PDB file of all heavy atoms in Angstrom:
ATOM      1  N   ARG A   1      24.549  -0.032   9.868  1.00  0.00           N
ATOM      2  CA  ARG A   1      25.502   0.732   9.059  1.00  0.00           C
ATOM      3  C   ARG A   1      24.798   1.654   8.081  1.00  0.00           C
ATOM      4  O   ARG A   1      25.235   2.762   7.820  1.00  0.00           O
ATOM      5  CB  ARG A   1      26.408  -0.216   8.285  1.00  0.00           C
ATOM      6  CG  ARG A   1      27.511  -0.802   9.100  1.00  0.00           C
ATOM      7  CD  ARG A   1      28.428  -1.605   8.233  1.00  0.00           C
ATOM      8  NE  ARG A   1      27.711  -2.802   7.790  1.00  0.00           N
ATOM      9  CZ  ARG A   1      27.976  -3.444   6.686  1.00  0.00           C
ATOM     10  NH1 ARG A   1      28.923  -3.042   5.886  1.00  0.00           N
ATOM     11  NH2 ARG A   1      27.289  -4.514   6.343  1.00  0.00           N
ATOM     12  N   GLY A   2      23.689   1.214   7.524  1.00  0.00           N
ATOM     13  CA  GLY A   2      22.969   2.019   6.547  1.00  0.00           C
ATOM     14  C   GLY A   2      22.466   3.329   7.123  1.00  0.00           C
ATOM     15  O   GLY A   2      22.467   4.359   6.451  1.00  0.00           O
ATOM     16  N   GLU A   3      22.041   3.290   8.369  1.00  0.00           N
ATOM     17  CA  GLU A   3      21.541   4.506   9.011  1.00  0.00           C
ATOM     18  C   GLU A   3      22.656   5.536   9.142  1.00  0.00           C
ATOM     19  O   GLU A   3      22.462   6.722   8.863  1.00  0.00           O
ATOM     20  CB  GLU A   3      20.980   4.174  10.388  1.00  0.00           C
ATOM     21  CG  GLU A   3      20.498   5.380  11.160  1.00  0.00           C
ATOM     22  CD  GLU A   3      20.042   5.012  12.550  1.00  0.00           C
ATOM     23  OE1 GLU A   3      19.866   3.827  12.851  1.00  0.00           O
ATOM     24  OE2 GLU A   3      19.840   5.951  13.345  1.00  0.00           O
ATOM     25  N   ILE A   4      23.826   5.102   9.541  1.00  0.00           N
ATOM     26  CA  ILE A   4      24.961   6.007   9.694  1.00  0.00           C
ATOM     27  C   ILE A   4      25.358   6.601   8.348  1.00  0.00           C
ATOM     28  O   ILE A   4      25.611   7.800   8.233  1.00  0.00           O
ATOM     29  CB  ILE A   4      26.150   5.277  10.355  1.00  0.00           C
ATOM     30  CG1 ILE A   4      25.776   4.877  11.778  1.00  0.00           C
ATOM     31  CG2 ILE A   4      27.398   6.141  10.348  1.00  0.00           C
ATOM     32  CD1 ILE A   4      26.772   3.961  12.437  1.00  0.00           C
ATOM     33  N   GLN A   5      25.368   5.768   7.312  1.00  0.00           N
ATOM     34  CA  GLN A   5      25.733   6.255   5.980  1.00  0.00           C
ATOM     35  C   GLN A   5      24.723   7.275   5.473  1.00  0.00           C
ATOM     36  O   GLN A   5      25.095   8.269   4.850  1.00  0.00           O
ATOM     37  CB  GLN A   5      25.845   5.085   5.015  1.00  0.00           C
ATOM     38  CG  GLN A   5      27.022   4.185   5.304  1.00  0.00           C
ATOM     39  CD  GLN A   5      27.022   2.933   4.459  1.00  0.00           C
ATOM     40  OE1 GLN A   5      26.053   2.632   3.760  1.00  0.00           O
ATOM     41  NE2 GLN A   5      28.106   2.194   4.526  1.00  0.00           N
ATOM     42  N   ARG A   6      23.428   7.053   5.737  1.00  0.00           N
ATOM     43  CA  ARG A   6      22.414   8.015   5.286  1.00  0.00           C
ATOM     44  C   ARG A   6      22.530   9.340   6.024  1.00  0.00           C
ATOM     45  O   ARG A   6      22.344  10.407   5.446  1.00  0.00           O
ATOM     46  CB  ARG A   6      21.024   7.421   5.458  1.00  0.00           C
ATOM     47  CG  ARG A   6      20.678   6.412   4.389  1.00  0.00           C
ATOM     48  CD  ARG A   6      19.230   5.993   4.477  1.00  0.00           C
ATOM     49  NE  ARG A   6      18.994   5.079   5.580  1.00  0.00           N
ATOM     50  CZ  ARG A   6      19.087   3.756   5.496  1.00  0.00           C
ATOM     51  NH1 ARG A   6      19.409   3.205   4.361  1.00  0.00           N
ATOM     52  NH2 ARG A   6      18.835   3.004   6.549  1.00  0.00           N
ATOM     53  N   LYS A   7      22.860   9.294   7.326  1.00  0.00           N
ATOM     54  CA  LYS A   7      23.042  10.538   8.074  1.00  0.00           C
ATOM     55  C   LYS A   7      24.238  11.315   7.532  1.00  0.00           C
ATOM     56  O   LYS A   7      24.182  12.541   7.409  1.00  0.00           O
ATOM     57  CB  LYS A   7      23.232  10.245   9.557  1.00  0.00           C
ATOM     58  CG  LYS A   7      21.960   9.910  10.277  1.00  0.00           C
ATOM     59  CD  LYS A   7      22.202   9.726  11.752  1.00  0.00           C
ATOM     60  CE  LYS A   7      20.932   9.385  12.481  1.00  0.00           C
ATOM     61  NZ  LYS A   7      21.163   9.206  13.922  1.00  0.00           N
ATOM     62  N   LEU A   8      25.322  10.620   7.215  1.00  0.00           N
ATOM     63  CA  LEU A   8      26.498  11.299   6.657  1.00  0.00           C
ATOM     64  C   LEU A   8      26.188  11.905   5.294  1.00  0.00           C
ATOM     65  O   LEU A   8      26.632  13.009   4.982  1.00  0.00           O
ATOM     66  CB  LEU A   8      27.672  10.327   6.566  1.00  0.00           C
ATOM     67  CG  LEU A   8      28.278   9.893   7.904  1.00  0.00           C
ATOM     68  CD1 LEU A   8      29.345   8.837   7.679  1.00  0.00           C
ATOM     69  CD2 LEU A   8      28.846  11.079   8.652  1.00  0.00           C
ATOM     70  N   LEU A   9      25.425  11.185   4.470  1.00  0.00           N
ATOM     71  CA  LEU A   9      25.042  11.712   3.167  1.00  0.00           C
ATOM     72  C   LEU A   9      24.165  12.941   3.319  1.00  0.00           C
ATOM     73  O   LEU A   9      24.316  13.923   2.589  1.00  0.00           O
ATOM     74  CB  LEU A   9      24.317  10.648   2.351  1.00  0.00           C
ATOM     75  CG  LEU A   9      23.836  11.075   0.975  1.00  0.00           C
ATOM     76  CD1 LEU A   9      25.030  11.446   0.092  1.00  0.00           C
ATOM     77  CD2 LEU A   9      23.036   9.976   0.329  1.00  0.00           C
ATOM     78  N   CYS A  10      23.274  12.926   4.290  1.00  0.00           N
ATOM     79  CA  CYS A  10      22.404  14.084   4.540  1.00  0.00           C
ATOM     80  C   CYS A  10      23.246  15.295   4.923  1.00  0.00           C
ATOM     81  O   CYS A  10      23.014  16.397   4.442  1.00  0.00           O
ATOM     82  CB  CYS A  10      21.401  13.748   5.628  1.00  0.00           C
ATOM     83  SG  CYS A  10      20.197  15.054   5.958  1.00  0.00           S
ATOM     84  N   ARG A  11      24.233  15.103   5.771  1.00  0.00           N
ATOM     85  CA  ARG A  11      25.102  16.220   6.165  1.00  0.00           C
ATOM     86  C   ARG A  11      25.940  16.691   4.990  1.00  0.00           C
ATOM     87  O   ARG A  11      26.196  17.880   4.845  1.00  0.00           O
ATOM     88  CB  ARG A  11      26.001  15.805   7.312  1.00  0.00           C
ATOM     89  CG  ARG A  11      25.267  15.690   8.606  1.00  0.00           C
ATOM     90  CD  ARG A  11      26.193  15.429   9.745  1.00  0.00           C
ATOM     91  NE  ARG A  11      25.432  15.235  10.970  1.00  0.00           N
ATOM     92  CZ  ARG A  11      25.940  14.746  12.067  1.00  0.00           C
ATOM     93  NH1 ARG A  11      27.207  14.401  12.112  1.00  0.00           N
ATOM     94  NH2 ARG A  11      25.190  14.601  13.131  1.00  0.00           N
ATOM     95  N   LYS A  12      26.364  15.770   4.128  1.00  0.00           N
ATOM     96  CA  LYS A  12      27.160  16.142   2.956  1.00  0.00           C
ATOM     97  C   LYS A  12      26.337  17.011   2.006  1.00  0.00           C
ATOM     98  O   LYS A  12      26.864  17.919   1.373  1.00  0.00           O
ATOM     99  CB  LYS A  12      27.638  14.876   2.240  1.00  0.00           C
ATOM    100  CG  LYS A  12      28.553  15.133   1.088  1.00  0.00           C
ATOM    101  CD  LYS A  12      29.030  13.822   0.484  1.00  0.00           C
ATOM    102  CE  LYS A  12      29.911  14.067  -0.707  1.00  0.00           C
ATOM    103  NZ  LYS A  12      30.342  12.797  -1.322  1.00  0.00           N
ATOM    104  N   LEU A  13      25.045  16.749   1.934  1.00  0.00           N
ATOM    105  CA  LEU A  13      24.145  17.546   1.089  1.00  0.00           C
ATOM    106  C   LEU A  13      23.680  18.817   1.781  1.00  0.00           C
ATOM    107  O   LEU A  13      22.786  19.496   1.296  1.00  0.00           O
ATOM    108  CB  LEU A  13      22.933  16.696   0.695  1.00  0.00           C
ATOM    109  CG  LEU A  13      23.218  15.487  -0.181  1.00  0.00           C
ATOM    110  CD1 LEU A  13      21.968  14.644  -0.342  1.00  0.00           C
ATOM    111  CD2 LEU A  13      23.750  15.915  -1.530  1.00  0.00           C
ATOM    112  N   ARG A  14      24.289  19.124   2.922  1.00  0.00           N
ATOM    113  CA  ARG A  14      23.977  20.313   3.719  1.00  0.00           C
ATOM    114  C   ARG A  14      22.538  20.320   4.201  1.00  0.00           C
ATOM    115  O   ARG A  14      21.865  21.356   4.214  1.00  0.00           O
ATOM    116  CB  ARG A  14      24.303  21.592   2.960  1.00  0.00           C
ATOM    117  CG  ARG A  14      25.768  21.716   2.668  1.00  0.00           C
ATOM    118  CD  ARG A  14      26.082  23.004   2.009  1.00  0.00           C
ATOM    119  NE  ARG A  14      27.508  23.017   1.673  1.00  0.00           N
ATOM    120  CZ  ARG A  14      28.168  24.106   1.404  1.00  0.00           C
ATOM    121  NH1 ARG A  14      27.559  25.257   1.400  1.00  0.00           N
ATOM    122  NH2 ARG A  14      29.445  24.043   1.113  1.00  0.00           N
ATOM    123  N   GLY A  15      22.075  19.139   4.583  1.00  0.00           N
ATOM    124  CA  GLY A  15      20.739  19.009   5.144  1.00  0.00           C
ATOM    125  C   GLY A  15      20.832  18.638   6.614  1.00  0.00           C
ATOM    126  O   GLY A  15      21.916  18.581   7.190  1.00  0.00           O
ATOM    127  N   HIS A  16      19.690  18.392   7.207  1.00  0.00           N
ATOM    128  CA  HIS A  16      19.644  17.963   8.597  1.00  0.00           C
ATOM    129  C   HIS A  16      18.484  16.995   8.763  1.00  0.00           C
ATOM    130  O   HIS A  16      17.495  17.032   8.035  1.00  0.00           O
ATOM    131  CB  HIS A  16      19.498  19.160   9.555  1.00  0.00           C
ATOM    132  CG  HIS A  16      18.307  20.007   9.262  1.00  0.00           C
ATOM    133  ND1 HIS A  16      17.109  19.823   9.873  1.00  0.00           N
ATOM    134  CD2 HIS A  16      18.137  21.030   8.385  1.00  0.00           C
ATOM    135  CE1 HIS A  16      16.239  20.703   9.407  1.00  0.00           C
ATOM    136  NE2 HIS A  16      16.834  21.450   8.492  1.00  0.00           N
ATOM    137  N   CYS A  17      18.609  16.095   9.719  1.00  0.00           N
ATOM    138  CA  CYS A  17      17.590  15.083   9.965  1.00  0.00           C
ATOM    139  C   CYS A  17      16.529  15.640  10.911  1.00  0.00           C
ATOM    140  O   CYS A  17      16.859  16.180  11.961  1.00  0.00           O
ATOM    141  CB  CYS A  17      18.224  13.832  10.567  1.00  0.00           C
ATOM    142  SG  CYS A  17      19.391  13.037   9.453  1.00  0.00           S
ATOM    143  N   GLN A  18      15.269  15.510  10.519  1.00  0.00           N
ATOM    144  CA  GLN A  18      14.156  16.024  11.314  1.00  0.00           C
ATOM    145  C   GLN A  18      13.007  15.026  11.259  1.00  0.00           C
ATOM    146  O   GLN A  18      12.915  14.211  10.351  1.00  0.00           O
ATOM    147  CB  GLN A  18      13.655  17.349  10.755  1.00  0.00           C
ATOM    148  CG  GLN A  18      14.530  18.532  11.031  1.00  0.00           C
ATOM    149  CD  GLN A  18      14.544  18.908  12.484  1.00  0.00           C
ATOM    150  OE1 GLN A  18      15.554  18.761  13.127  1.00  0.00           O
ATOM    151  NE2 GLN A  18      13.443  19.384  13.000  1.00  0.00           N
ATOM    152  N   ALA A  19      12.103  15.140  12.214  1.00  0.00           N
ATOM    153  CA  ALA A  19      10.895  14.312  12.207  1.00  0.00           C
ATOM    154  C   ALA A  19       9.941  14.764  11.093  1.00  0.00           C
ATOM    155  O   ALA A  19       9.318  13.939  10.439  1.00  0.00           O
ATOM    156  CB  ALA A  19      10.199  14.380  13.555  1.00  0.00           C
ATOM    157  N   GLU A  20       9.849  16.072  10.871  1.00  0.00           N
ATOM    158  CA  GLU A  20       9.031  16.631   9.795  1.00  0.00           C
ATOM    159  C   GLU A  20       9.761  17.830   9.213  1.00  0.00           C
ATOM    160  O   GLU A  20      10.340  18.628   9.950  1.00  0.00           O
ATOM    161  CB  GLU A  20       7.669  17.093  10.315  1.00  0.00           C
ATOM    162  CG  GLU A  20       6.778  15.977  10.780  1.00  0.00           C
ATOM    163  CD  GLU A  20       5.426  16.493  11.248  1.00  0.00           C
ATOM    164  OE1 GLU A  20       5.105  17.670  10.973  1.00  0.00           O
ATOM    165  OE2 GLU A  20       4.711  15.715  11.879  1.00  0.00           O
ATOM    166  N   CYS A  21       9.728  17.969   7.903  1.00  0.00           N
ATOM    167  CA  CYS A  21      10.328  19.142   7.263  1.00  0.00           C
ATOM    168  C   CYS A  21       9.397  20.335   7.446  1.00  0.00           C
ATOM    169  O   CYS A  21       8.172  20.195   7.383  1.00  0.00           O
ATOM    170  CB  CYS A  21      10.560  18.882   5.785  1.00  0.00           C
ATOM    171  SG  CYS A  21      11.777  17.589   5.469  1.00  0.00           S
ATOM    172  N   LEU A  22       9.973  21.492   7.674  1.00  0.00           N
ATOM    173  CA  LEU A  22       9.178  22.711   7.823  1.00  0.00           C
ATOM    174  C   LEU A  22       8.648  23.149   6.470  1.00  0.00           C
ATOM    175  O   LEU A  22       9.061  22.642   5.425  1.00  0.00           O
ATOM    176  CB  LEU A  22      10.032  23.801   8.469  1.00  0.00           C
ATOM    177  CG  LEU A  22      10.579  23.459   9.858  1.00  0.00           C
ATOM    178  CD1 LEU A  22      11.521  24.550  10.334  1.00  0.00           C
ATOM    179  CD2 LEU A  22       9.453  23.255  10.846  1.00  0.00           C
ATOM    180  N   THR A  23       7.756  24.126   6.450  1.00  0.00           N
ATOM    181  CA  THR A  23       7.118  24.535   5.203  1.00  0.00           C
ATOM    182  C   THR A  23       8.101  25.161   4.225  1.00  0.00           C
ATOM    183  O   THR A  23       7.895  25.094   3.020  1.00  0.00           O
ATOM    184  CB  THR A  23       5.979  25.539   5.482  1.00  0.00           C
ATOM    185  OG1 THR A  23       6.510  26.641   6.216  1.00  0.00           O
ATOM    186  CG2 THR A  23       4.876  24.887   6.273  1.00  0.00           C
ATOM    187  N   PHE A  24       9.179  25.763   4.719  1.00  0.00           N
ATOM    188  CA  PHE A  24      10.155  26.396   3.834  1.00  0.00           C
ATOM    189  C   PHE A  24      11.351  25.479   3.556  1.00  0.00           C
ATOM    190  O   PHE A  24      12.380  25.924   3.082  1.00  0.00           O
ATOM    191  CB  PHE A  24      10.637  27.731   4.417  1.00  0.00           C
ATOM    192  CG  PHE A  24      11.205  27.607   5.806  1.00  0.00           C
ATOM    193  CD1 PHE A  24      12.536  27.301   6.001  1.00  0.00           C
ATOM    194  CD2 PHE A  24      10.388  27.798   6.899  1.00  0.00           C
ATOM    195  CE1 PHE A  24      13.053  27.188   7.271  1.00  0.00           C
ATOM    196  CE2 PHE A  24      10.896  27.687   8.182  1.00  0.00           C
ATOM    197  CZ  PHE A  24      12.231  27.381   8.369  1.00  0.00           C
ATOM    198  N   GLU A  25      11.203  24.165   3.806  1.00  0.00           N
ATOM    199  CA  GLU A  25      12.267  23.208   3.566  1.00  0.00           C
ATOM    200  C   GLU A  25      11.792  22.129   2.596  1.00  0.00           C
ATOM    201  O   GLU A  25      10.605  21.833   2.514  1.00  0.00           O
ATOM    202  CB  GLU A  25      12.701  22.529   4.877  1.00  0.00           C
ATOM    203  CG  GLU A  25      13.342  23.462   5.864  1.00  0.00           C
ATOM    204  CD  GLU A  25      13.704  22.773   7.151  1.00  0.00           C
ATOM    205  OE1 GLU A  25      13.016  21.826   7.560  1.00  0.00           O
ATOM    206  OE2 GLU A  25      14.700  23.200   7.754  1.00  0.00           O
ATOM    207  N   ASP A  26      12.729  21.559   1.871  1.00  0.00           N
ATOM    208  CA  ASP A  26      12.441  20.452   0.963  1.00  0.00           C
ATOM    209  C   ASP A  26      12.987  19.167   1.549  1.00  0.00           C
ATOM    210  O   ASP A  26      14.042  19.163   2.183  1.00  0.00           O
ATOM    211  CB  ASP A  26      13.097  20.683  -0.401  1.00  0.00           C
ATOM    212  CG  ASP A  26      12.435  21.797  -1.178  1.00  0.00           C
ATOM    213  OD1 ASP A  26      11.215  21.958  -1.056  1.00  0.00           O
ATOM    214  OD2 ASP A  26      13.149  22.497  -1.920  1.00  0.00           O
ATOM    215  N   GLN A  27      12.274  18.075   1.292  1.00  0.00           N
ATOM    216  CA  GLN A  27      12.773  16.767   1.708  1.00  0.00           C
ATOM    217  C   GLN A  27      13.711  16.270   0.617  1.00  0.00           C
ATOM    218  O   GLN A  27      13.317  16.119  -0.535  1.00  0.00           O
ATOM    219  CB  GLN A  27      11.615  15.794   1.898  1.00  0.00           C
ATOM    220  CG  GLN A  27      12.066  14.423   2.316  1.00  0.00           C
ATOM    221  CD  GLN A  27      10.917  13.447   2.416  1.00  0.00           C
ATOM    222  OE1 GLN A  27       9.759  13.827   2.337  1.00  0.00           O
ATOM    223  NE2 GLN A  27      11.244  12.188   2.566  1.00  0.00           N
ATOM    224  N   ILE A  28      14.981  16.029   0.964  1.00  0.00           N
ATOM    225  CA  ILE A  28      15.963  15.622  -0.033  1.00  0.00           C
ATOM    226  C   ILE A  28      16.402  14.176   0.148  1.00  0.00           C
ATOM    227  O   ILE A  28      17.234  13.693  -0.597  1.00  0.00           O
ATOM    228  CB  ILE A  28      17.201  16.544  -0.005  1.00  0.00           C
ATOM    229  CG1 ILE A  28      17.840  16.554   1.377  1.00  0.00           C
ATOM    230  CG2 ILE A  28      16.832  17.944  -0.447  1.00  0.00           C
ATOM    231  CD1 ILE A  28      19.157  17.320   1.426  1.00  0.00           C
ATOM    232  N   GLY A  29      15.847  13.483   1.092  1.00  0.00           N
ATOM    233  CA  GLY A  29      16.228  12.093   1.314  1.00  0.00           C
ATOM    234  C   GLY A  29      15.650  11.597   2.618  1.00  0.00           C
ATOM    235  O   GLY A  29      14.761  12.203   3.186  1.00  0.00           O
ATOM    236  N   GLY A  30      16.206  10.495   3.083  1.00  0.00           N
ATOM    237  CA  GLY A  30      15.731   9.916   4.327  1.00  0.00           C
ATOM    238  C   GLY A  30      16.879   9.568   5.251  1.00  0.00           C
ATOM    239  O   GLY A  30      17.938   9.146   4.818  1.00  0.00           O
TER     240      GLY A  30
END
């Protein structure tokens, strides 16, 4: 359940899940 909640929170913050953030992106969570 925690994984699903974190993915939804990431989308709510207008982010996306990636293996590595690109140089012009900030890591805002996990």
